[in-house]
Amino acid sequence: MDLDSIRINEPWVLVLYGITGDAVENMYSAGLAKAWQQKLVHPQTAIIGIAPQEWKGKKWTEADVKAHIRKGTGIKSDEEWAALGLEESIFFKPGDVNDSSSYPDLKAFLQKLDEERQTEGRRLFILSLPPQLLKTVILNLAENGMLDDPDKNIVFIDKPFGASYQGALELKELLESELIPAVA
């Protein structure tokens, strides 16, 4: 996929694995808020958070995920938060990334959002996960047809490529086998 072909005047679905983690609060939230403020994303763009429902001793809900993102933006005023319009674009889909039965449900949810938000299958999968989970998620996304269109499906990995050189090579081979051939 040519990254220059990504147009911000079209709605996308951002599927953020690890939504309840520190990276979302400390990095992604502020960037998302700034992108919304500067109108760098289409207003129909949706953010789907994927994480275990129970994490760090807490049972997470969609309201908790929205509050987690809001905290990361630094926006204190209810009026400013409401005016931003970001909250209406945030959804939470609890799930265990190791449970292959959760992926068809995710696909159905994404297809529903495609219709509601006219995203036409445009998805950015952001994997904010430990390296040992990346292979599982990528294989399940691919096996469930969520990485079939290289012009509309992008995978972004924000973690190091494994804990060792061998692990990095294995992940590279997986990415090439599941993603790169679709481009050729």
N, C-alpha and C. Protein backbone atom coordinates (compact mmCIF):
# COMPACT_ATOMS: atom_id res chain seq x y z
N MET A 1 0.84 -1.19 0.00
CA MET A 1 0.00 0.00 0.00
C MET A 1 0.88 1.25 0.00
N ASP A 2 0.54 2.19 -0.80
CA ASP A 2 1.23 3.46 -0.85
C ASP A 2 0.64 4.36 0.25
N LEU A 3 1.45 4.69 1.25
CA LEU A 3 0.94 5.47 2.37
C LEU A 3 0.44 6.84 1.95
N ASP A 4 0.90 7.34 0.81
CA ASP A 4 0.40 8.61 0.33
C ASP A 4 -1.06 8.51 -0.11
N SER A 5 -1.52 7.28 -0.33
CA SER A 5 -2.90 7.11 -0.79
C SER A 5 -3.91 7.19 0.36
N ILE A 6 -3.42 7.20 1.59
CA ILE A 6 -4.33 7.34 2.73
C ILE A 6 -4.84 8.77 2.73
N ARG A 7 -6.15 8.90 2.60
CA ARG A 7 -6.73 10.23 2.57
C ARG A 7 -7.52 10.47 3.85
N ILE A 8 -7.29 11.63 4.45
CA ILE A 8 -7.98 11.95 5.70
C ILE A 8 -9.40 12.42 5.45
N ASN A 9 -9.76 12.59 4.19
CA ASN A 9 -11.13 13.02 3.90
C ASN A 9 -12.08 11.83 3.80
N GLU A 10 -11.61 10.65 4.16
CA GLU A 10 -12.43 9.46 4.18
C GLU A 10 -12.44 8.89 5.60
N PRO A 11 -13.57 8.35 6.03
CA PRO A 11 -13.60 7.75 7.37
C PRO A 11 -12.88 6.41 7.42
N TRP A 12 -12.25 6.15 8.54
CA TRP A 12 -11.54 4.90 8.80
C TRP A 12 -12.03 4.34 10.12
N VAL A 13 -11.74 3.08 10.35
CA VAL A 13 -11.92 2.47 11.67
C VAL A 13 -10.52 2.19 12.20
N LEU A 14 -10.21 2.78 13.34
CA LEU A 14 -8.95 2.52 14.01
C LEU A 14 -9.22 1.45 15.05
N VAL A 15 -8.62 0.29 14.89
CA VAL A 15 -8.81 -0.83 15.81
C VAL A 15 -7.57 -0.88 16.69
N LEU A 16 -7.74 -0.45 17.93
CA LEU A 16 -6.60 -0.28 18.82
C LEU A 16 -6.56 -1.42 19.85
N TYR A 17 -5.67 -2.37 19.60
CA TYR A 17 -5.46 -3.47 20.55
C TYR A 17 -4.62 -2.95 21.71
N GLY A 18 -5.08 -3.20 22.92
CA GLY A 18 -4.38 -2.71 24.11
C GLY A 18 -4.91 -1.36 24.56
N ILE A 19 -6.19 -1.09 24.32
CA ILE A 19 -6.79 0.23 24.59
C ILE A 19 -6.68 0.63 26.06
N THR A 20 -6.62 -0.33 26.97
CA THR A 20 -6.59 -0.02 28.40
C THR A 20 -5.18 0.20 28.92
N GLY A 21 -4.20 0.11 28.05
CA GLY A 21 -2.80 0.21 28.48
C GLY A 21 -2.27 1.62 28.60
N ASP A 22 -1.06 1.70 29.10
CA ASP A 22 -0.40 2.98 29.32
C ASP A 22 -0.10 3.72 28.02
N ALA A 23 0.21 2.99 26.95
CA ALA A 23 0.54 3.67 25.68
C ALA A 23 -0.63 4.50 25.18
N VAL A 24 -1.83 3.99 25.37
CA VAL A 24 -3.01 4.74 24.92
C VAL A 24 -3.14 6.02 25.74
N GLU A 25 -3.03 5.88 27.05
CA GLU A 25 -3.18 7.06 27.90
C GLU A 25 -2.04 8.06 27.69
N ASN A 26 -0.83 7.57 27.55
CA ASN A 26 0.33 8.46 27.50
C ASN A 26 0.73 8.93 26.11
N MET A 27 0.31 8.21 25.07
CA MET A 27 0.74 8.58 23.72
C MET A 27 -0.42 8.83 22.76
N TYR A 28 -1.27 7.84 22.59
CA TYR A 28 -2.29 7.91 21.55
C TYR A 28 -3.38 8.92 21.84
N SER A 29 -3.81 9.02 23.09
CA SER A 29 -4.95 9.89 23.41
C SER A 29 -4.71 11.34 23.02
N ALA A 30 -3.56 11.87 23.38
CA ALA A 30 -3.26 13.27 23.05
C ALA A 30 -3.21 13.46 21.54
N GLY A 31 -2.63 12.51 20.83
CA GLY A 31 -2.56 12.60 19.37
C GLY A 31 -3.93 12.53 18.72
N LEU A 32 -4.77 11.64 19.23
CA LEU A 32 -6.13 11.55 18.69
C LEU A 32 -6.90 12.85 18.92
N ALA A 33 -6.78 13.39 20.13
CA ALA A 33 -7.47 14.65 20.43
C ALA A 33 -6.99 15.77 19.51
N LYS A 34 -5.70 15.85 19.31
CA LYS A 34 -5.15 16.90 18.44
C LYS A 34 -5.63 16.71 17.00
N ALA A 35 -5.65 15.46 16.54
CA ALA A 35 -6.13 15.18 15.18
C ALA A 35 -7.60 15.57 15.03
N TRP A 36 -8.40 15.29 16.04
CA TRP A 36 -9.82 15.67 16.00
C TRP A 36 -9.96 17.20 16.04
N GLN A 37 -9.18 17.86 16.92
CA GLN A 37 -9.25 19.32 17.03
C GLN A 37 -8.89 19.99 15.72
N GLN A 38 -7.88 19.47 15.06
CA GLN A 38 -7.40 20.08 13.82
C GLN A 38 -8.13 19.54 12.59
N LYS A 39 -9.14 18.73 12.84
CA LYS A 39 -9.96 18.15 11.76
C LYS A 39 -9.10 17.40 10.74
N LEU A 40 -8.14 16.64 11.26
CA LEU A 40 -7.26 15.84 10.41
C LEU A 40 -7.84 14.45 10.15
N VAL A 41 -8.96 14.15 10.78
CA VAL A 41 -9.64 12.88 10.54
C VAL A 41 -11.09 13.17 10.18
N HIS A 42 -11.64 12.31 9.39
CA HIS A 42 -13.03 12.44 9.00
C HIS A 42 -13.90 12.25 10.25
N PRO A 43 -14.96 13.02 10.42
CA PRO A 43 -15.79 12.90 11.63
C PRO A 43 -16.48 11.55 11.79
N GLN A 44 -16.60 10.77 10.73
CA GLN A 44 -17.20 9.44 10.82
C GLN A 44 -16.20 8.37 11.25
N THR A 45 -14.93 8.74 11.38
CA THR A 45 -13.91 7.78 11.81
C THR A 45 -14.27 7.24 13.19
N ALA A 46 -14.04 5.95 13.37
CA ALA A 46 -14.35 5.29 14.64
C ALA A 46 -13.08 4.70 15.25
N ILE A 47 -13.06 4.67 16.56
CA ILE A 47 -11.96 4.04 17.30
C ILE A 47 -12.56 2.87 18.07
N ILE A 48 -12.07 1.69 17.78
CA ILE A 48 -12.53 0.49 18.47
C ILE A 48 -11.40 0.04 19.38
N GLY A 49 -11.66 0.03 20.67
CA GLY A 49 -10.68 -0.44 21.63
C GLY A 49 -10.88 -1.92 21.91
N ILE A 50 -9.79 -2.67 21.83
CA ILE A 50 -9.81 -4.10 22.12
C ILE A 50 -8.90 -4.35 23.31
N ALA A 51 -9.43 -5.02 24.31
CA ALA A 51 -8.64 -5.38 25.50
C ALA A 51 -9.47 -6.37 26.31
N PRO A 52 -8.80 -7.08 27.22
CA PRO A 52 -9.57 -7.94 28.12
C PRO A 52 -10.54 -7.10 28.94
N GLN A 53 -11.71 -7.64 29.21
CA GLN A 53 -12.68 -6.88 29.99
C GLN A 53 -12.15 -6.63 31.41
N GLU A 54 -11.41 -7.59 31.93
CA GLU A 54 -10.78 -7.39 33.23
C GLU A 54 -9.29 -7.19 33.02
N TRP A 55 -8.81 -6.04 33.48
CA TRP A 55 -7.41 -5.69 33.27
C TRP A 55 -6.94 -4.86 34.46
N LYS A 56 -5.80 -5.22 34.99
CA LYS A 56 -5.20 -4.52 36.13
C LYS A 56 -6.17 -4.44 37.31
N GLY A 57 -6.86 -5.56 37.56
CA GLY A 57 -7.77 -5.65 38.69
C GLY A 57 -9.06 -4.87 38.54
N LYS A 58 -9.38 -4.47 37.33
CA LYS A 58 -10.59 -3.67 37.10
C LYS A 58 -11.40 -4.28 35.96
N LYS A 59 -12.71 -4.23 36.09
CA LYS A 59 -13.59 -4.65 35.01
C LYS A 59 -13.90 -3.42 34.16
N TRP A 60 -13.46 -3.43 32.90
CA TRP A 60 -13.57 -2.28 32.02
C TRP A 60 -14.90 -2.27 31.27
N THR A 61 -15.43 -1.06 31.09
CA THR A 61 -16.64 -0.84 30.29
C THR A 61 -16.28 0.19 29.21
N GLU A 62 -17.22 0.42 28.31
CA GLU A 62 -16.98 1.44 27.29
C GLU A 62 -16.80 2.82 27.93
N ALA A 63 -17.57 3.10 28.97
CA ALA A 63 -17.43 4.38 29.68
C ALA A 63 -16.04 4.52 30.29
N ASP A 64 -15.50 3.43 30.82
CA ASP A 64 -14.14 3.46 31.39
C ASP A 64 -13.11 3.74 30.31
N VAL A 65 -13.28 3.12 29.16
CA VAL A 65 -12.34 3.32 28.05
C VAL A 65 -12.39 4.78 27.59
N LYS A 66 -13.57 5.33 27.48
CA LYS A 66 -13.70 6.75 27.08
C LYS A 66 -13.05 7.65 28.12
N ALA A 67 -13.23 7.35 29.40
CA ALA A 67 -12.60 8.15 30.46
C ALA A 67 -11.08 8.01 30.42
N HIS A 68 -10.60 6.80 30.12
CA HIS A 68 -9.16 6.53 30.00
C HIS A 68 -8.55 7.38 28.89
N ILE A 69 -9.23 7.42 27.76
CA ILE A 69 -8.74 8.24 26.64
C ILE A 69 -8.83 9.72 27.00
N ARG A 70 -9.94 10.13 27.58
CA ARG A 70 -10.08 11.54 27.96
C ARG A 70 -8.96 11.96 28.91
N LYS A 71 -8.66 11.13 29.89
CA LYS A 71 -7.59 11.45 30.83
C LYS A 71 -6.27 11.69 30.09
N GLY A 72 -6.01 10.84 29.09
CA GLY A 72 -4.78 10.99 28.31
C GLY A 72 -4.74 12.24 27.46
N THR A 73 -5.90 12.79 27.13
CA THR A 73 -5.92 14.01 26.31
C THR A 73 -5.57 15.24 27.13
N GLY A 74 -5.80 15.15 28.45
CA GLY A 74 -5.58 16.30 29.31
C GLY A 74 -6.74 17.28 29.32
N ILE A 75 -7.82 16.96 28.62
CA ILE A 75 -8.98 17.85 28.56
C ILE A 75 -9.77 17.71 29.86
N LYS A 76 -9.89 18.80 30.60
CA LYS A 76 -10.59 18.79 31.89
C LYS A 76 -12.05 19.23 31.75
N SER A 77 -12.29 20.19 30.91
CA SER A 77 -13.62 20.78 30.76
C SER A 77 -14.58 19.84 30.04
N ASP A 78 -15.75 19.62 30.64
CA ASP A 78 -16.78 18.80 29.99
C ASP A 78 -17.22 19.42 28.67
N GLU A 79 -17.29 20.74 28.64
CA GLU A 79 -17.71 21.44 27.42
C GLU A 79 -16.69 21.23 26.30
N GLU A 80 -15.42 21.36 26.62
CA GLU A 80 -14.38 21.18 25.61
C GLU A 80 -14.37 19.73 25.11
N TRP A 81 -14.54 18.79 26.03
CA TRP A 81 -14.55 17.37 25.66
C TRP A 81 -15.75 17.08 24.74
N ALA A 82 -16.91 17.59 25.08
CA ALA A 82 -18.10 17.38 24.27
C ALA A 82 -17.94 18.03 22.89
N ALA A 83 -17.39 19.23 22.85
CA ALA A 83 -17.21 19.94 21.59
C ALA A 83 -16.24 19.22 20.65
N LEU A 84 -15.29 18.51 21.23
CA LEU A 84 -14.31 17.79 20.43
C LEU A 84 -14.99 16.73 19.55
N GLY A 85 -16.00 16.07 20.09
CA GLY A 85 -16.72 15.06 19.32
C GLY A 85 -16.03 13.70 19.27
N LEU A 86 -14.96 13.55 20.00
CA LEU A 86 -14.20 12.30 19.98
C LEU A 86 -14.95 11.18 20.71
N GLU A 87 -15.61 11.51 21.80
CA GLU A 87 -16.26 10.49 22.62
C GLU A 87 -17.27 9.66 21.84
N GLU A 88 -18.00 10.27 20.93
CA GLU A 88 -18.99 9.54 20.15
C GLU A 88 -18.36 8.57 19.15
N SER A 89 -17.08 8.69 18.96
CA SER A 89 -16.38 7.84 18.00
C SER A 89 -15.64 6.70 18.66
N ILE A 90 -15.72 6.59 19.98
CA ILE A 90 -14.99 5.56 20.72
C ILE A 90 -15.92 4.42 21.09
N PHE A 91 -15.49 3.20 20.78
CA PHE A 91 -16.23 1.99 21.11
C PHE A 91 -15.28 1.02 21.80
N PHE A 92 -15.83 0.17 22.66
CA PHE A 92 -15.01 -0.83 23.35
C PHE A 92 -15.53 -2.22 23.01
N LYS A 93 -14.64 -3.07 22.58
CA LYS A 93 -14.97 -4.46 22.25
C LYS A 93 -14.08 -5.35 23.13
N PRO A 94 -14.58 -5.74 24.30
CA PRO A 94 -13.75 -6.58 25.16
C PRO A 94 -13.45 -7.90 24.49
N GLY A 95 -12.24 -8.37 24.68
CA GLY A 95 -11.87 -9.64 24.09
C GLY A 95 -10.49 -10.08 24.46
N ASP A 96 -10.31 -11.38 24.46
CA ASP A 96 -9.03 -12.01 24.72
C ASP A 96 -8.39 -12.28 23.36
N VAL A 97 -7.24 -11.70 23.10
CA VAL A 97 -6.60 -11.86 21.79
C VAL A 97 -6.24 -13.31 21.50
N ASN A 98 -6.11 -14.11 22.54
CA ASN A 98 -5.77 -15.53 22.36
C ASN A 98 -6.99 -16.39 22.03
N ASP A 99 -8.18 -15.84 22.13
CA ASP A 99 -9.41 -16.58 21.89
C ASP A 99 -9.82 -16.39 20.42
N SER A 100 -9.54 -17.40 19.61
CA SER A 100 -9.82 -17.28 18.18
C SER A 100 -11.30 -17.12 17.88
N SER A 101 -12.16 -17.51 18.81
CA SER A 101 -13.60 -17.38 18.57
C SER A 101 -14.07 -15.93 18.67
N SER A 102 -13.25 -15.04 19.20
CA SER A 102 -13.67 -13.63 19.32
C SER A 102 -13.48 -12.85 18.01
N TYR A 103 -12.69 -13.37 17.09
CA TYR A 103 -12.39 -12.63 15.87
C TYR A 103 -13.56 -12.55 14.89
N PRO A 104 -14.35 -13.60 14.70
CA PRO A 104 -15.53 -13.44 13.83
C PRO A 104 -16.51 -12.39 14.37
N ASP A 105 -16.64 -12.32 15.70
CA ASP A 105 -17.51 -11.31 16.31
C ASP A 105 -16.96 -9.91 16.04
N LEU A 106 -15.64 -9.76 16.14
CA LEU A 106 -15.02 -8.47 15.82
C LEU A 106 -15.27 -8.11 14.36
N LYS A 107 -15.11 -9.07 13.47
CA LYS A 107 -15.33 -8.81 12.05
C LYS A 107 -16.76 -8.33 11.80
N ALA A 108 -17.73 -8.99 12.43
CA ALA A 108 -19.13 -8.59 12.28
C ALA A 108 -19.35 -7.17 12.81
N PHE A 109 -18.72 -6.85 13.93
CA PHE A 109 -18.85 -5.51 14.50
C PHE A 109 -18.24 -4.46 13.56
N LEU A 110 -17.09 -4.77 12.97
CA LEU A 110 -16.45 -3.85 12.03
C LEU A 110 -17.32 -3.66 10.78
N GLN A 111 -17.94 -4.73 10.32
CA GLN A 111 -18.81 -4.61 9.15
C GLN A 111 -20.03 -3.75 9.47
N LYS A 112 -20.54 -3.86 10.68
CA LYS A 112 -21.66 -3.02 11.11
C LYS A 112 -21.23 -1.55 11.10
N LEU A 113 -20.02 -1.28 11.63
CA LEU A 113 -19.52 0.10 11.62
C LEU A 113 -19.25 0.60 10.20
N ASP A 114 -18.82 -0.30 9.32
CA ASP A 114 -18.62 0.08 7.91
C ASP A 114 -19.90 0.66 7.35
N GLU A 115 -21.02 0.01 7.65
CA GLU A 115 -22.31 0.49 7.15
C GLU A 115 -22.73 1.79 7.82
N GLU A 116 -22.61 1.85 9.14
CA GLU A 116 -23.05 3.03 9.89
C GLU A 116 -22.20 4.26 9.60
N ARG A 117 -20.91 4.06 9.42
CA ARG A 117 -19.99 5.19 9.29
C ARG A 117 -19.40 5.34 7.90
N GLN A 118 -19.87 4.55 6.96
CA GLN A 118 -19.39 4.60 5.56
C GLN A 118 -17.87 4.50 5.46
N THR A 119 -17.27 3.57 6.19
CA THR A 119 -15.81 3.43 6.16
C THR A 119 -15.33 2.54 5.02
N GLU A 120 -16.24 1.81 4.40
CA GLU A 120 -15.93 0.99 3.23
C GLU A 120 -14.78 0.02 3.47
N GLY A 121 -14.66 -0.49 4.69
CA GLY A 121 -13.64 -1.48 5.01
C GLY A 121 -12.25 -0.91 5.30
N ARG A 122 -12.13 0.41 5.38
CA ARG A 122 -10.82 1.02 5.66
C ARG A 122 -10.53 0.86 7.15
N ARG A 123 -9.46 0.11 7.45
CA ARG A 123 -9.13 -0.18 8.85
C ARG A 123 -7.64 -0.07 9.10
N LEU A 124 -7.33 0.58 10.20
CA LEU A 124 -5.95 0.65 10.69
C LEU A 124 -5.93 -0.13 12.00
N PHE A 125 -5.23 -1.25 12.00
CA PHE A 125 -5.08 -2.07 13.19
C PHE A 125 -3.80 -1.63 13.91
N ILE A 126 -3.95 -1.07 15.09
CA ILE A 126 -2.81 -0.62 15.88
C ILE A 126 -2.60 -1.66 16.98
N LEU A 127 -1.45 -2.31 16.95
CA LEU A 127 -1.17 -3.38 17.91
C LEU A 127 -0.24 -2.86 19.00
N SER A 128 -0.85 -2.43 20.08
CA SER A 128 -0.11 -1.94 21.24
C SER A 128 -0.09 -3.07 22.26
N LEU A 129 0.63 -4.12 21.90
CA LEU A 129 0.64 -5.37 22.65
C LEU A 129 2.06 -5.86 22.89
N PRO A 130 2.23 -6.73 23.87
CA PRO A 130 3.54 -7.36 24.05
C PRO A 130 3.91 -8.17 22.80
N PRO A 131 5.18 -8.24 22.46
CA PRO A 131 5.60 -8.93 21.24
C PRO A 131 5.10 -10.37 21.12
N GLN A 132 4.97 -11.07 22.23
CA GLN A 132 4.56 -12.47 22.16
C GLN A 132 3.10 -12.64 21.71
N LEU A 133 2.31 -11.58 21.70
CA LEU A 133 0.91 -11.66 21.26
C LEU A 133 0.71 -11.25 19.80
N LEU A 134 1.71 -10.64 19.20
CA LEU A 134 1.56 -10.11 17.85
C LEU A 134 1.22 -11.19 16.83
N LYS A 135 1.93 -12.32 16.89
CA LYS A 135 1.70 -13.40 15.93
C LYS A 135 0.26 -13.89 16.02
N THR A 136 -0.23 -14.09 17.23
CA THR A 136 -1.59 -14.58 17.43
C THR A 136 -2.61 -13.63 16.80
N VAL A 137 -2.45 -12.35 17.06
CA VAL A 137 -3.41 -11.37 16.54
C VAL A 137 -3.34 -11.30 15.02
N ILE A 138 -2.16 -11.21 14.47
CA ILE A 138 -2.01 -11.09 13.01
C ILE A 138 -2.59 -12.32 12.30
N LEU A 139 -2.27 -13.51 12.82
CA LEU A 139 -2.80 -14.73 12.19
C LEU A 139 -4.32 -14.78 12.28
N ASN A 140 -4.88 -14.42 13.42
CA ASN A 140 -6.35 -14.43 13.56
C ASN A 140 -7.02 -13.39 12.69
N LEU A 141 -6.44 -12.20 12.60
CA LEU A 141 -7.00 -11.19 11.70
C LEU A 141 -6.98 -11.68 10.26
N ALA A 142 -5.84 -12.27 9.86
CA ALA A 142 -5.71 -12.77 8.49
C ALA A 142 -6.68 -13.93 8.24
N GLU A 143 -6.75 -14.88 9.17
CA GLU A 143 -7.62 -16.04 8.98
C GLU A 143 -9.10 -15.66 8.92
N ASN A 144 -9.44 -14.54 9.49
CA ASN A 144 -10.83 -14.08 9.48
C ASN A 144 -11.10 -13.03 8.41
N GLY A 145 -10.17 -12.90 7.47
CA GLY A 145 -10.38 -12.03 6.32
C GLY A 145 -10.33 -10.54 6.60
N MET A 146 -9.72 -10.16 7.71
CA MET A 146 -9.67 -8.73 8.04
C MET A 146 -8.42 -8.04 7.53
N LEU A 147 -7.55 -8.79 6.84
CA LEU A 147 -6.34 -8.19 6.27
C LEU A 147 -6.27 -8.46 4.77
N ASP A 148 -7.40 -8.75 4.16
CA ASP A 148 -7.42 -9.16 2.75
C ASP A 148 -7.13 -8.04 1.76
N ASP A 149 -7.43 -6.81 2.09
CA ASP A 149 -7.30 -5.71 1.13
C ASP A 149 -6.16 -4.79 1.55
N PRO A 150 -5.00 -4.91 0.90
CA PRO A 150 -3.85 -4.09 1.29
C PRO A 150 -4.05 -2.59 1.07
N ASP A 151 -5.06 -2.22 0.29
CA ASP A 151 -5.33 -0.80 0.09
C ASP A 151 -6.21 -0.23 1.19
N LYS A 152 -6.85 -1.11 1.97
CA LYS A 152 -7.76 -0.65 3.01
C LYS A 152 -7.43 -1.18 4.40
N ASN A 153 -6.50 -2.12 4.50
CA ASN A 153 -6.17 -2.73 5.78
C ASN A 153 -4.70 -2.51 6.09
N ILE A 154 -4.43 -1.80 7.15
CA ILE A 154 -3.06 -1.48 7.55
C ILE A 154 -2.84 -2.01 8.96
N VAL A 155 -1.67 -2.59 9.20
CA VAL A 155 -1.28 -3.04 10.53
C VAL A 155 -0.11 -2.19 10.99
N PHE A 156 -0.27 -1.58 12.16
CA PHE A 156 0.78 -0.77 12.76
C PHE A 156 1.19 -1.44 14.06
N ILE A 157 2.46 -1.77 14.19
CA ILE A 157 2.98 -2.41 15.41
C ILE A 157 3.80 -1.37 16.16
N ASP A 158 3.38 -1.08 17.38
CA ASP A 158 4.09 -0.03 18.13
C ASP A 158 5.06 -0.58 19.16
N LYS A 159 5.28 -1.87 19.14
CA LYS A 159 6.21 -2.48 20.10
C LYS A 159 7.46 -2.94 19.35
N PRO A 160 8.53 -3.17 20.09
CA PRO A 160 9.73 -3.72 19.44
C PRO A 160 9.41 -5.08 18.82
N PHE A 161 10.17 -5.43 17.84
CA PHE A 161 9.97 -6.70 17.14
C PHE A 161 10.54 -7.85 17.96
N GLY A 162 9.93 -8.18 19.07
CA GLY A 162 10.33 -9.34 19.85
C GLY A 162 11.38 -9.02 20.88
N ALA A 163 11.68 -10.02 21.67
CA ALA A 163 12.66 -9.86 22.76
C ALA A 163 14.04 -10.31 22.33
N SER A 164 14.16 -10.85 21.13
CA SER A 164 15.45 -11.34 20.66
C SER A 164 15.53 -11.16 19.14
N TYR A 165 16.73 -11.32 18.64
CA TYR A 165 16.92 -11.24 17.19
C TYR A 165 16.12 -12.33 16.48
N GLN A 166 16.14 -13.56 17.04
CA GLN A 166 15.38 -14.66 16.45
C GLN A 166 13.89 -14.36 16.44
N GLY A 167 13.38 -13.80 17.54
CA GLY A 167 11.96 -13.43 17.61
C GLY A 167 11.61 -12.38 16.59
N ALA A 168 12.52 -11.43 16.38
CA ALA A 168 12.29 -10.38 15.39
C ALA A 168 12.24 -10.97 13.98
N LEU A 169 13.12 -11.91 13.69
CA LEU A 169 13.11 -12.56 12.38
C LEU A 169 11.82 -13.34 12.15
N GLU A 170 11.36 -14.04 13.20
CA GLU A 170 10.11 -14.80 13.07
C GLU A 170 8.93 -13.88 12.81
N LEU A 171 8.89 -12.74 13.50
CA LEU A 171 7.79 -11.79 13.29
C LEU A 171 7.87 -11.18 11.89
N LYS A 172 9.08 -10.88 11.45
CA LYS A 172 9.27 -10.35 10.09
C LYS A 172 8.75 -11.35 9.06
N GLU A 173 9.09 -12.63 9.23
CA GLU A 173 8.62 -13.66 8.29
C GLU A 173 7.10 -13.78 8.32
N LEU A 174 6.51 -13.69 9.50
CA LEU A 174 5.05 -13.74 9.62
C LEU A 174 4.41 -12.57 8.87
N LEU A 175 4.93 -11.38 9.09
CA LEU A 175 4.38 -10.20 8.42
C LEU A 175 4.50 -10.34 6.91
N GLU A 176 5.64 -10.83 6.46
CA GLU A 176 5.82 -11.00 5.01
C GLU A 176 4.87 -12.04 4.47
N SER A 177 4.63 -13.11 5.21
CA SER A 177 3.75 -14.17 4.72
C SER A 177 2.28 -13.77 4.75
N GLU A 178 1.87 -12.96 5.70
CA GLU A 178 0.46 -12.62 5.86
C GLU A 178 0.08 -11.27 5.23
N LEU A 179 1.03 -10.36 5.14
CA LEU A 179 0.69 -9.02 4.67
C LEU A 179 1.33 -8.66 3.35
N ILE A 180 2.60 -8.91 3.19
CA ILE A 180 3.32 -8.48 2.00
C ILE A 180 2.78 -9.14 0.73
N PRO A 181 2.49 -10.46 0.71
CA PRO A 181 2.00 -11.06 -0.54
C PRO A 181 0.71 -10.41 -1.04
N ALA A 182 -0.08 -9.90 -0.14
CA ALA A 182 -1.34 -9.27 -0.55
C ALA A 182 -1.07 -8.01 -1.37
N VAL A 183 0.10 -7.42 -1.17
CA VAL A 183 0.46 -6.19 -1.88
C VAL A 183 0.95 -6.51 -3.28
N ALA A 184 1.65 -7.62 -3.44
CA ALA A 184 2.29 -7.97 -4.72
C ALA A 184 1.30 -8.28 -5.81
